[in-house]
Amino acid sequence: MWKDDEELFALMRTKLFPAVVGDILDTMGFLRQFLSPQIRPLKPDMVIVGRAMPVLEANAFSASEPQGQGPLTKLPFGLLFQALDDLKAGEVYVATGCAPQFALWGGLMTTRAMHLKAAGAVLDGYWRDTPEVLQMGLPVFGFGGYAQDQGPRGKVVDWRVPVEINGVRVKPGDLVFGDLDGVLVIPREAEVEAIRRALEKASTENKVRDAIQRGMSTVDAFRTFGVMPAPV
């Protein structure tokens, strides 16, 4: 149904939404695939679709600690710049691992991500520079805007490693699909079946919606089609 990620992402944007794919993943036994409901889009109409590039953060207590025993304690922001520069086209920067006490994303990071043709950012925490990020239009999801800087408070300690957000495992290359209703992680090993079945379900839901608009009861609709339509 698609020959590459570009076609897949376009198909998901035009034909699907996270809720219907999440319903399919439930039937496949993947019951915990939505990230925390705190993670919301910077702008209500933003949709994010791409491959996960997980980034592992940690709290710190100074930008550089001379007495530290590890190399990252002396490195402001840790490996943040290296991780950001490693973003590929169509990838989503997915950051987690620290207490949400500062911004994990901002305007300069958005500028770099857009140059690299990244798909956006999903943050288990806050962003900042909201007007600047809004102006650039890159899809960014997180807890909200908060100006507190990461510099003396946090470091990236690794990237392209599996992470967990609210009990959801996020592995490099997993599909990330988000809108106003939440951010869904689609495991790579399940994506072909999940997307195929979600497309079928979406098509059936359209038939159900048409039938209900013509006067069919919800009981008869469910008995006839086996699904109920999502809200428009």
C-alpha atoms as a PDB file:
ATOM      1  CA  MET A   1       0.000   0.000   0.000  1.00  0.00           C
ATOM      2  CA  TRP A   2       3.030   2.241   0.330  1.00  0.00           C
ATOM      3  CA  LYS A   3       6.529   2.029  -1.070  1.00  0.00           C
ATOM      4  CA  ASP A   4       8.411   4.135   1.492  1.00  0.00           C
ATOM      5  CA  ASP A   5       8.009   6.195   4.638  1.00  0.00           C
ATOM      6  CA  GLU A   6       7.086   9.328   2.719  1.00  0.00           C
ATOM      7  CA  GLU A   7       4.064   7.578   1.219  1.00  0.00           C
ATOM      8  CA  LEU A   8       3.223   5.947   4.559  1.00  0.00           C
ATOM      9  CA  PHE A   9       3.288   9.249   6.449  1.00  0.00           C
ATOM     10  CA  ALA A  10       1.137  10.937   3.793  1.00  0.00           C
ATOM     11  CA  LEU A  11      -1.356   8.065   3.948  1.00  0.00           C
ATOM     12  CA  MET A  12      -1.573   8.308   7.734  1.00  0.00           C
ATOM     13  CA  ARG A  13      -2.082  12.074   7.613  1.00  0.00           C
ATOM     14  CA  THR A  14      -4.877  11.928   5.048  1.00  0.00           C
ATOM     15  CA  LYS A  15      -6.695   8.683   5.885  1.00  0.00           C
ATOM     16  CA  LEU A  16      -6.091   7.954   9.575  1.00  0.00           C
ATOM     17  CA  PHE A  17      -5.918   9.443  13.044  1.00  0.00           C
ATOM     18  CA  PRO A  18      -4.259   8.093  16.211  1.00  0.00           C
ATOM     19  CA  ALA A  19      -7.501   6.922  17.840  1.00  0.00           C
ATOM     20  CA  VAL A  20      -8.401   4.451  15.083  1.00  0.00           C
ATOM     21  CA  VAL A  21      -4.859   3.025  14.944  1.00  0.00           C
ATOM     22  CA  GLY A  22      -4.831   2.769  18.740  1.00  0.00           C
ATOM     23  CA  ASP A  23      -8.081   0.773  18.605  1.00  0.00           C
ATOM     24  CA  ILE A  24      -6.472  -1.677  16.193  1.00  0.00           C
ATOM     25  CA  LEU A  25      -3.375  -2.023  18.372  1.00  0.00           C
ATOM     26  CA  ASP A  26      -5.689  -2.919  21.271  1.00  0.00           C
ATOM     27  CA  THR A  27      -7.084  -5.845  19.261  1.00  0.00           C
ATOM     28  CA  MET A  28      -3.527  -6.928  18.442  1.00  0.00           C
ATOM     29  CA  GLY A  29      -2.592  -7.093  22.128  1.00  0.00           C
ATOM     30  CA  PHE A  30      -0.666  -3.804  22.292  1.00  0.00           C
ATOM     31  CA  LEU A  31      -2.722  -2.261  25.088  1.00  0.00           C
ATOM     32  CA  ARG A  32      -0.435   0.534  26.333  1.00  0.00           C
ATOM     33  CA  GLN A  33       0.724   2.551  23.347  1.00  0.00           C
ATOM     34  CA  PHE A  34      -0.558   6.074  24.066  1.00  0.00           C
ATOM     35  CA  LEU A  35       1.862   8.370  25.856  1.00  0.00           C
ATOM     36  CA  SER A  36       0.804  10.444  28.863  1.00  0.00           C
ATOM     37  CA  PRO A  37      -2.325  12.560  28.250  1.00  0.00           C
ATOM     38  CA  GLN A  38      -0.285  15.513  29.532  1.00  0.00           C
ATOM     39  CA  ILE A  39       1.582  15.493  26.225  1.00  0.00           C
ATOM     40  CA  ARG A  40      -0.370  17.905  24.039  1.00  0.00           C
ATOM     41  CA  PRO A  41       0.329  19.706  20.755  1.00  0.00           C
ATOM     42  CA  LEU A  42       1.711  23.224  20.905  1.00  0.00           C
ATOM     43  CA  LYS A  43      -1.132  24.171  18.528  1.00  0.00           C
ATOM     44  CA  PRO A  44      -4.461  22.266  18.438  1.00  0.00           C
ATOM     45  CA  ASP A  45      -4.375  21.463  14.714  1.00  0.00           C
ATOM     46  CA  MET A  46      -0.838  20.046  14.760  1.00  0.00           C
ATOM     47  CA  VAL A  47      -0.388  16.438  13.623  1.00  0.00           C
ATOM     48  CA  ILE A  48       2.898  14.595  14.003  1.00  0.00           C
ATOM     49  CA  VAL A  49       3.900  11.492  12.031  1.00  0.00           C
ATOM     50  CA  GLY A  50       7.412  10.070  11.870  1.00  0.00           C
ATOM     51  CA  ARG A  51      10.014   7.607  13.118  1.00  0.00           C
ATOM     52  CA  ALA A  52      11.070   7.832  16.754  1.00  0.00           C
ATOM     53  CA  MET A  53      14.549   8.994  17.666  1.00  0.00           C
ATOM     54  CA  PRO A  54      14.465   8.500  21.444  1.00  0.00           C
ATOM     55  CA  VAL A  55      16.605  10.841  23.554  1.00  0.00           C
ATOM     56  CA  LEU A  56      17.472  10.037  27.178  1.00  0.00           C
ATOM     57  CA  GLU A  57      17.701  13.006  29.552  1.00  0.00           C
ATOM     58  CA  ALA A  58      18.869  13.284  33.156  1.00  0.00           C
ATOM     59  CA  ASN A  59      18.613  15.963  35.822  1.00  0.00           C
ATOM     60  CA  ALA A  60      21.782  17.870  36.630  1.00  0.00           C
ATOM     61  CA  PHE A  61      22.662  20.512  39.203  1.00  0.00           C
ATOM     62  CA  SER A  62      25.114  22.663  37.286  1.00  0.00           C
ATOM     63  CA  ALA A  63      26.125  23.184  33.679  1.00  0.00           C
ATOM     64  CA  SER A  64      29.592  21.831  34.440  1.00  0.00           C
ATOM     65  CA  GLU A  65      30.752  20.093  37.607  1.00  0.00           C
ATOM     66  CA  PRO A  66      34.571  20.056  37.995  1.00  0.00           C
ATOM     67  CA  GLN A  67      34.416  17.413  40.728  1.00  0.00           C
ATOM     68  CA  GLY A  68      32.325  15.040  38.639  1.00  0.00           C
ATOM     69  CA  GLN A  69      33.759  11.632  37.805  1.00  0.00           C
ATOM     70  CA  GLY A  70      31.993  11.135  34.472  1.00  0.00           C
ATOM     71  CA  PRO A  71      32.743  12.991  31.222  1.00  0.00           C
ATOM     72  CA  LEU A  72      29.201  14.335  30.870  1.00  0.00           C
ATOM     73  CA  THR A  73      29.291  16.188  34.176  1.00  0.00           C
ATOM     74  CA  LYS A  74      31.791  18.621  32.649  1.00  0.00           C
ATOM     75  CA  LEU A  75      29.840  19.021  29.417  1.00  0.00           C
ATOM     76  CA  PRO A  76      27.044  21.648  29.407  1.00  0.00           C
ATOM     77  CA  PHE A  77      23.810  20.134  28.053  1.00  0.00           C
ATOM     78  CA  GLY A  78      25.540  16.727  27.907  1.00  0.00           C
ATOM     79  CA  LEU A  79      25.081  15.176  24.457  1.00  0.00           C
ATOM     80  CA  LEU A  80      22.128  17.357  23.443  1.00  0.00           C
ATOM     81  CA  PHE A  81      23.852  18.955  20.450  1.00  0.00           C
ATOM     82  CA  GLN A  82      25.152  15.632  19.153  1.00  0.00           C
ATOM     83  CA  ALA A  83      21.688  14.080  19.464  1.00  0.00           C
ATOM     84  CA  LEU A  84      20.015  17.011  17.739  1.00  0.00           C
ATOM     85  CA  ASP A  85      22.522  16.980  14.877  1.00  0.00           C
ATOM     86  CA  ASP A  86      21.858  13.258  14.368  1.00  0.00           C
ATOM     87  CA  LEU A  87      18.171  13.783  13.546  1.00  0.00           C
ATOM     88  CA  LYS A  88      17.247  12.412  10.130  1.00  0.00           C
ATOM     89  CA  ALA A  89      14.497  13.434   7.721  1.00  0.00           C
ATOM     90  CA  GLY A  90      11.128  12.152   8.901  1.00  0.00           C
ATOM     91  CA  GLU A  91      12.291  11.470  12.460  1.00  0.00           C
ATOM     92  CA  VAL A  92      10.686  12.620  15.706  1.00  0.00           C
ATOM     93  CA  TYR A  93      12.881  13.791  18.584  1.00  0.00           C
ATOM     94  CA  VAL A  94      11.359  11.956  21.594  1.00  0.00           C
ATOM     95  CA  ALA A  95      12.853  13.198  24.887  1.00  0.00           C
ATOM     96  CA  THR A  96      12.303  11.734  28.360  1.00  0.00           C
ATOM     97  CA  GLY A  97      14.126  10.628  31.498  1.00  0.00           C
ATOM     98  CA  CYS A  98      14.238  13.676  33.784  1.00  0.00           C
ATOM     99  CA  ALA A  99      11.891  15.442  36.150  1.00  0.00           C
ATOM    100  CA  PRO A 100       9.840  18.046  34.235  1.00  0.00           C
ATOM    101  CA  GLN A 101      11.544  21.101  35.738  1.00  0.00           C
ATOM    102  CA  PHE A 102      12.849  22.854  32.604  1.00  0.00           C
ATOM    103  CA  ALA A 103      12.350  23.108  28.860  1.00  0.00           C
ATOM    104  CA  LEU A 104      13.554  20.211  26.718  1.00  0.00           C
ATOM    105  CA  TRP A 105      13.039  22.048  23.438  1.00  0.00           C
ATOM    106  CA  GLY A 106      13.152  25.584  22.062  1.00  0.00           C
ATOM    107  CA  GLY A 107      13.491  27.892  19.108  1.00  0.00           C
ATOM    108  CA  LEU A 108      17.072  27.135  18.105  1.00  0.00           C
ATOM    109  CA  MET A 109      16.443  23.404  18.303  1.00  0.00           C
ATOM    110  CA  THR A 110      13.391  23.894  16.094  1.00  0.00           C
ATOM    111  CA  THR A 111      15.467  25.792  13.551  1.00  0.00           C
ATOM    112  CA  ARG A 112      18.025  22.988  13.395  1.00  0.00           C
ATOM    113  CA  ALA A 113      15.360  20.260  13.242  1.00  0.00           C
ATOM    114  CA  MET A 114      13.605  21.970  10.359  1.00  0.00           C
ATOM    115  CA  HIS A 115      16.872  22.283   8.434  1.00  0.00           C
ATOM    116  CA  LEU A 116      17.337  18.533   8.884  1.00  0.00           C
ATOM    117  CA  LYS A 117      13.723  17.914   7.696  1.00  0.00           C
ATOM    118  CA  ALA A 118      12.757  16.244  10.965  1.00  0.00           C
ATOM    119  CA  ALA A 119       9.071  15.473  11.571  1.00  0.00           C
ATOM    120  CA  GLY A 120       8.880  17.225  14.946  1.00  0.00           C
ATOM    121  CA  ALA A 121       9.414  16.709  18.667  1.00  0.00           C
ATOM    122  CA  VAL A 122       7.575  14.843  21.429  1.00  0.00           C
ATOM    123  CA  LEU A 123       8.612  15.856  24.932  1.00  0.00           C
ATOM    124  CA  ASP A 124       7.959  14.201  28.266  1.00  0.00           C
ATOM    125  CA  GLY A 125       8.207  17.727  29.639  1.00  0.00           C
ATOM    126  CA  TYR A 126       8.117  21.337  28.487  1.00  0.00           C
ATOM    127  CA  TRP A 127       9.109  23.438  25.491  1.00  0.00           C
ATOM    128  CA  ARG A 128       9.969  27.138  25.426  1.00  0.00           C
ATOM    129  CA  ASP A 129      10.257  29.996  22.886  1.00  0.00           C
ATOM    130  CA  THR A 130       6.618  29.304  22.041  1.00  0.00           C
ATOM    131  CA  PRO A 131       6.054  32.254  19.635  1.00  0.00           C
ATOM    132  CA  GLU A 132       9.197  31.369  17.687  1.00  0.00           C
ATOM    133  CA  VAL A 133       8.320  27.684  17.449  1.00  0.00           C
ATOM    134  CA  LEU A 134       4.758  28.531  16.431  1.00  0.00           C
ATOM    135  CA  GLN A 135       6.014  30.800  13.688  1.00  0.00           C
ATOM    136  CA  MET A 136       8.154  28.022  12.221  1.00  0.00           C
ATOM    137  CA  GLY A 137       5.271  25.543  12.336  1.00  0.00           C
ATOM    138  CA  LEU A 138       7.173  22.383  13.315  1.00  0.00           C
ATOM    139  CA  PRO A 139       4.872  19.967  15.192  1.00  0.00           C
ATOM    140  CA  VAL A 140       5.924  19.990  18.865  1.00  0.00           C
ATOM    141  CA  PHE A 141       4.103  18.074  21.601  1.00  0.00           C
ATOM    142  CA  GLY A 142       4.702  18.334  25.340  1.00  0.00           C
ATOM    143  CA  PHE A 143       3.367  19.563  28.679  1.00  0.00           C
ATOM    144  CA  GLY A 144       3.267  23.224  27.624  1.00  0.00           C
ATOM    145  CA  GLY A 145       5.470  26.269  27.486  1.00  0.00           C
ATOM    146  CA  TYR A 146       7.941  26.931  30.322  1.00  0.00           C
ATOM    147  CA  ALA A 147      10.931  29.262  29.940  1.00  0.00           C
ATOM    148  CA  GLN A 148      13.256  27.616  32.482  1.00  0.00           C
ATOM    149  CA  ASP A 149      16.510  26.723  30.699  1.00  0.00           C
ATOM    150  CA  GLN A 150      17.957  23.232  30.578  1.00  0.00           C
ATOM    151  CA  GLY A 151      21.576  24.484  30.709  1.00  0.00           C
ATOM    152  CA  PRO A 152      22.338  24.222  34.460  1.00  0.00           C
ATOM    153  CA  ARG A 153      19.548  21.723  35.179  1.00  0.00           C
ATOM    154  CA  GLY A 154      19.685  18.823  32.737  1.00  0.00           C
ATOM    155  CA  LYS A 155      21.780  16.866  30.265  1.00  0.00           C
ATOM    156  CA  VAL A 156      21.208  14.472  27.411  1.00  0.00           C
ATOM    157  CA  VAL A 157      23.028  11.277  28.366  1.00  0.00           C
ATOM    158  CA  ASP A 158      22.250   9.099  25.314  1.00  0.00           C
ATOM    159  CA  TRP A 159      20.120   8.854  22.185  1.00  0.00           C
ATOM    160  CA  ARG A 160      18.861   6.230  19.752  1.00  0.00           C
ATOM    161  CA  VAL A 161      18.236   3.954  22.724  1.00  0.00           C
ATOM    162  CA  PRO A 162      14.896   2.515  23.898  1.00  0.00           C
ATOM    163  CA  VAL A 163      13.138   4.674  26.493  1.00  0.00           C
ATOM    164  CA  GLU A 164       9.868   4.515  28.421  1.00  0.00           C
ATOM    165  CA  ILE A 165       7.248   7.234  28.807  1.00  0.00           C
ATOM    166  CA  ASN A 166       4.356   6.560  31.171  1.00  0.00           C
ATOM    167  CA  GLY A 167       5.005   2.833  30.826  1.00  0.00           C
ATOM    168  CA  VAL A 168       5.109   2.950  27.019  1.00  0.00           C
ATOM    169  CA  ARG A 169       8.258   1.561  25.432  1.00  0.00           C
ATOM    170  CA  VAL A 170       9.609   3.737  22.611  1.00  0.00           C
ATOM    171  CA  LYS A 171      12.288   2.156  20.437  1.00  0.00           C
ATOM    172  CA  PRO A 172      14.329   3.760  17.669  1.00  0.00           C
ATOM    173  CA  GLY A 173      12.366   3.561  14.439  1.00  0.00           C
ATOM    174  CA  ASP A 174       8.926   3.032  15.977  1.00  0.00           C
ATOM    175  CA  LEU A 175       6.149   5.050  14.357  1.00  0.00           C
ATOM    176  CA  VAL A 176       5.015   8.116  16.291  1.00  0.00           C
ATOM    177  CA  PHE A 177       1.534   9.415  15.436  1.00  0.00           C
ATOM    178  CA  GLY A 178      -0.036  12.285  17.351  1.00  0.00           C
ATOM    179  CA  ASP A 179      -2.833  14.820  17.243  1.00  0.00           C
ATOM    180  CA  LEU A 180      -4.982  16.741  19.733  1.00  0.00           C
ATOM    181  CA  ASP A 181      -6.224  13.462  21.251  1.00  0.00           C
ATOM    182  CA  GLY A 182      -2.765  12.157  22.142  1.00  0.00           C
ATOM    183  CA  VAL A 183       0.475  10.649  20.890  1.00  0.00           C
ATOM    184  CA  LEU A 184       0.513   6.995  19.846  1.00  0.00           C
ATOM    185  CA  VAL A 185       3.601   4.785  19.519  1.00  0.00           C
ATOM    186  CA  ILE A 186       3.215   2.040  16.912  1.00  0.00           C
ATOM    187  CA  PRO A 187       5.848  -0.695  17.334  1.00  0.00           C
ATOM    188  CA  ARG A 188       7.782  -1.242  14.141  1.00  0.00           C
ATOM    189  CA  GLU A 189       7.107  -4.966  14.175  1.00  0.00           C
ATOM    190  CA  ALA A 190       3.345  -4.324  14.213  1.00  0.00           C
ATOM    191  CA  GLU A 191       3.070  -1.320  11.909  1.00  0.00           C
ATOM    192  CA  VAL A 192       2.192  -3.006   8.593  1.00  0.00           C
ATOM    193  CA  GLU A 193      -0.705  -5.005  10.024  1.00  0.00           C
ATOM    194  CA  ALA A 194      -1.836  -2.141  12.267  1.00  0.00           C
ATOM    195  CA  ILE A 195      -1.958   0.433   9.457  1.00  0.00           C
ATOM    196  CA  ARG A 196      -3.603  -1.990   7.016  1.00  0.00           C
ATOM    197  CA  ARG A 197      -6.328  -2.901   9.508  1.00  0.00           C
ATOM    198  CA  ALA A 198      -6.765   0.724  10.584  1.00  0.00           C
ATOM    199  CA  LEU A 199      -7.395   1.749   6.969  1.00  0.00           C
ATOM    200  CA  GLU A 200     -10.064  -0.941   6.725  1.00  0.00           C
ATOM    201  CA  LYS A 201     -11.644   0.186  10.000  1.00  0.00           C
ATOM    202  CA  ALA A 202     -11.659   3.831   8.942  1.00  0.00           C
ATOM    203  CA  SER A 203     -13.406   2.892   5.694  1.00  0.00           C
ATOM    204  CA  THR A 204     -16.034   0.887   7.585  1.00  0.00           C
ATOM    205  CA  GLU A 205     -16.562   3.733  10.067  1.00  0.00           C
ATOM    206  CA  ASN A 206     -17.378   6.030   7.168  1.00  0.00           C
ATOM    207  CA  LYS A 207     -20.117   3.609   6.090  1.00  0.00           C
ATOM    208  CA  VAL A 208     -21.439   3.468   9.660  1.00  0.00           C
ATOM    209  CA  ARG A 209     -21.518   7.258   9.885  1.00  0.00           C
ATOM    210  CA  ASP A 210     -23.459   7.458   6.634  1.00  0.00           C
ATOM    211  CA  ALA A 211     -25.941   4.863   7.886  1.00  0.00           C
ATOM    212  CA  ILE A 212     -26.487   6.689  11.189  1.00  0.00           C
ATOM    213  CA  GLN A 213     -26.976   9.963   9.353  1.00  0.00           C
ATOM    214  CA  ARG A 214     -29.702   8.231   7.324  1.00  0.00           C
ATOM    215  CA  GLY A 215     -31.439   7.242  10.565  1.00  0.00           C
ATOM    216  CA  MET A 216     -30.023   3.800  11.518  1.00  0.00           C
ATOM    217  CA  SER A 217     -29.860   3.261  15.288  1.00  0.00           C
ATOM    218  CA  THR A 218     -26.521   2.815  16.983  1.00  0.00           C
ATOM    219  CA  VAL A 219     -27.578  -0.687  18.097  1.00  0.00           C
ATOM    220  CA  ASP A 220     -28.331  -1.716  14.509  1.00  0.00           C
ATOM    221  CA  ALA A 221     -25.190  -0.005  13.235  1.00  0.00           C
ATOM    222  CA  PHE A 222     -22.953  -1.899  15.633  1.00  0.00           C
ATOM    223  CA  ARG A 223     -24.784  -5.164  14.895  1.00  0.00           C
ATOM    224  CA  THR A 224     -24.408  -4.607  11.139  1.00  0.00           C
ATOM    225  CA  PHE A 225     -20.873  -3.253  10.897  1.00  0.00           C
ATOM    226  CA  GLY A 226     -19.205  -4.303  14.154  1.00  0.00           C
ATOM    227  CA  VAL A 227     -17.705  -0.858  14.756  1.00  0.00           C
ATOM    228  CA  MET A 228     -18.844   2.585  15.784  1.00  0.00           C
ATOM    229  CA  PRO A 229     -17.657   5.720  13.997  1.00  0.00           C
ATOM    230  CA  ALA A 230     -15.264   8.138  15.601  1.00  0.00           C
ATOM    231  CA  PRO A 231     -16.452  11.736  15.975  1.00  0.00           C
ATOM    232  CA  VAL A 232     -15.837  13.988  12.990  1.00  0.00           C
END
